Amino acid sequence: MSKPIEYAEASAEVRAVYDDIMATRKIDWVNNFWKVLAHHPPTLRRIWANAKEVMQPGALDPLTKELIYVAVSVTNNCKYCIASHSAAARKKGMTDEQYQELLAVVGLANETNRLVFGHDAPIDERFLNP
């Protein structure tokens, strides 16, 4: 397990990314995900830049993006990401009912994906040319 690099111990390069995270998110702390990435500043910079770009409002609203992130995190068994993005989704308005329904959809999709894969079901022509 990598020890998180706290702000006081961070290089100027890492502090600059931490500062941008806090300013962009309007928060006064940096979570441990970013602090462990700080062991390799190029990765920290790259992942933060990508996250900032992808998670900003666009054709999908911020809550929808967080819900998708939670769904993928559940499928990938990432407890940290489930906790982090569930908290972000709740901050953006996700209700307990939405969370439970999201988990039901994730469970169904994973089960049916495995069944389709196992049966090697051919894709319907209508789905290919909508």
Protein backbone atom coordinates (compact mmCIF):
# COMPACT_ATOMS: atom_id res chain seq x y z
CA MET A 1 0.00 0.00 0.00
CA SER A 2 1.36 3.42 -0.93
CA LYS A 3 1.50 5.98 1.83
CA PRO A 4 -0.45 9.11 0.91
CA ILE A 5 1.74 12.16 0.34
CA GLU A 6 0.33 14.97 2.45
CA TYR A 7 0.35 18.57 1.25
CA ALA A 8 3.10 19.61 3.70
CA GLU A 9 5.41 16.85 2.39
CA ALA A 10 4.60 17.32 -1.30
CA SER A 11 6.89 18.82 -3.91
CA ALA A 12 5.95 22.13 -5.50
CA GLU A 13 4.84 20.23 -8.62
CA VAL A 14 2.48 18.02 -6.60
CA ARG A 15 1.21 20.95 -4.52
CA ALA A 16 0.24 22.73 -7.72
CA VAL A 17 -2.00 19.79 -8.68
CA TYR A 18 -3.41 19.57 -5.15
CA ASP A 19 -4.18 23.30 -5.28
CA ASP A 20 -5.97 22.87 -8.61
CA ILE A 21 -8.00 19.93 -7.26
CA MET A 22 -9.12 21.97 -4.25
CA ALA A 23 -9.89 25.08 -6.33
CA THR A 24 -11.76 23.17 -9.03
CA ARG A 25 -13.81 21.17 -6.55
CA LYS A 26 -14.23 24.08 -4.13
CA ILE A 27 -12.97 21.93 -1.22
CA ASP A 28 -10.30 22.35 1.45
CA TRP A 29 -8.68 18.89 1.28
CA VAL A 30 -7.32 16.34 -1.20
CA ASN A 31 -8.43 12.73 -0.96
CA ASN A 32 -6.10 9.77 -0.65
CA PHE A 33 -6.47 8.67 -4.28
CA TRP A 34 -4.67 11.81 -5.44
CA LYS A 35 -2.19 11.59 -2.56
CA VAL A 36 -1.04 8.11 -3.56
CA LEU A 37 -0.80 9.09 -7.23
CA ALA A 38 1.55 11.86 -6.07
CA HIS A 39 4.33 9.25 -5.83
CA HIS A 40 4.52 9.66 -9.62
CA PRO A 41 3.76 13.31 -10.45
CA PRO A 42 3.34 12.73 -14.22
CA THR A 43 0.56 10.21 -13.50
CA LEU A 44 -1.03 12.56 -10.95
CA ARG A 45 -1.06 15.43 -13.47
CA ARG A 46 -2.36 13.26 -16.32
CA ILE A 47 -5.15 11.57 -14.38
CA TRP A 48 -6.26 14.85 -12.78
CA ALA A 49 -6.35 16.61 -16.17
CA ASN A 50 -8.36 13.74 -17.65
CA ALA A 51 -10.78 13.57 -14.70
CA LYS A 52 -11.29 17.34 -14.79
CA GLU A 53 -12.09 17.22 -18.50
CA VAL A 54 -14.31 14.12 -18.50
CA MET A 55 -16.28 14.85 -15.33
CA GLN A 56 -17.14 18.47 -16.17
CA PRO A 57 -20.71 19.20 -17.28
CA GLY A 58 -21.31 18.27 -20.91
CA ALA A 59 -23.92 16.32 -22.85
CA LEU A 60 -24.34 14.31 -19.62
CA ASP A 61 -25.13 16.15 -16.41
CA PRO A 62 -22.74 15.78 -13.43
CA LEU A 63 -25.06 13.45 -11.47
CA THR A 64 -25.43 11.09 -14.42
CA LYS A 65 -21.65 10.96 -14.79
CA GLU A 66 -21.26 10.11 -11.09
CA LEU A 67 -23.93 7.39 -11.35
CA ILE A 68 -22.09 5.85 -14.30
CA TYR A 69 -18.85 6.03 -12.33
CA VAL A 70 -20.48 4.24 -9.38
CA ALA A 71 -21.88 1.55 -11.69
CA VAL A 72 -18.50 0.86 -13.27
CA SER A 73 -16.82 0.90 -9.85
CA VAL A 74 -19.29 -1.69 -8.53
CA THR A 75 -18.60 -3.89 -11.56
CA ASN A 76 -14.83 -3.48 -11.07
CA ASN A 77 -15.02 -4.13 -7.30
CA CYS A 78 -13.34 -0.83 -6.38
CA LYS A 79 -14.48 -0.09 -2.82
CA TYR A 80 -12.61 3.21 -2.75
CA CYS A 81 -14.23 4.42 -5.98
CA ILE A 82 -17.68 3.24 -4.88
CA ALA A 83 -17.35 5.25 -1.66
CA SER A 84 -15.85 8.32 -3.30
CA HIS A 85 -18.24 8.56 -6.23
CA SER A 86 -21.30 7.59 -4.18
CA ALA A 87 -20.46 10.52 -1.89
CA ALA A 88 -20.04 12.77 -4.94
CA ALA A 89 -23.34 11.54 -6.39
CA ARG A 90 -25.15 12.17 -3.10
CA LYS A 91 -23.68 15.69 -3.05
CA LYS A 92 -25.12 16.17 -6.56
CA GLY A 93 -28.57 14.96 -5.49
CA MET A 94 -28.62 11.16 -5.64
CA THR A 95 -31.25 9.71 -3.31
CA ASP A 96 -31.13 6.38 -1.48
CA GLU A 97 -33.85 5.12 -3.81
CA GLN A 98 -31.77 6.04 -6.86
CA TYR A 99 -28.73 4.28 -5.37
CA GLN A 100 -30.70 1.08 -4.75
CA GLU A 101 -32.16 1.17 -8.25
CA LEU A 102 -28.71 1.80 -9.71
CA LEU A 103 -27.38 -1.28 -7.93
CA ALA A 104 -30.30 -3.34 -9.25
CA VAL A 105 -29.51 -2.23 -12.82
CA VAL A 106 -25.79 -2.97 -12.33
CA GLY A 107 -26.61 -6.45 -11.03
CA LEU A 108 -29.00 -7.16 -13.89
CA ALA A 109 -26.58 -5.87 -16.53
CA ASN A 110 -23.72 -7.96 -15.17
CA GLU A 111 -25.87 -11.10 -15.08
CA THR A 112 -27.32 -10.64 -18.56
CA ASN A 113 -23.91 -9.67 -19.99
CA ARG A 114 -22.46 -12.96 -18.73
CA LEU A 115 -25.44 -14.92 -20.12
CA VAL A 116 -25.13 -13.28 -23.54
CA PHE A 117 -21.38 -13.92 -23.52
CA GLY A 118 -21.78 -17.54 -22.43
CA HIS A 119 -24.43 -18.25 -25.07
CA ASP A 120 -22.57 -16.19 -27.70
CA ALA A 121 -25.91 -14.71 -28.73
CA PRO A 122 -25.76 -13.16 -32.20
CA ILE A 123 -26.46 -9.42 -32.33
CA ASP A 124 -29.83 -8.60 -33.88
CA GLU A 125 -29.57 -6.80 -37.21
CA ARG A 126 -31.95 -4.08 -35.92
CA PHE A 127 -29.46 -3.23 -33.18
CA LEU A 128 -26.66 -2.71 -35.69
CA ASN A 129 -28.53 -0.32 -37.97
CA PRO A 130 -30.90 1.74 -35.80
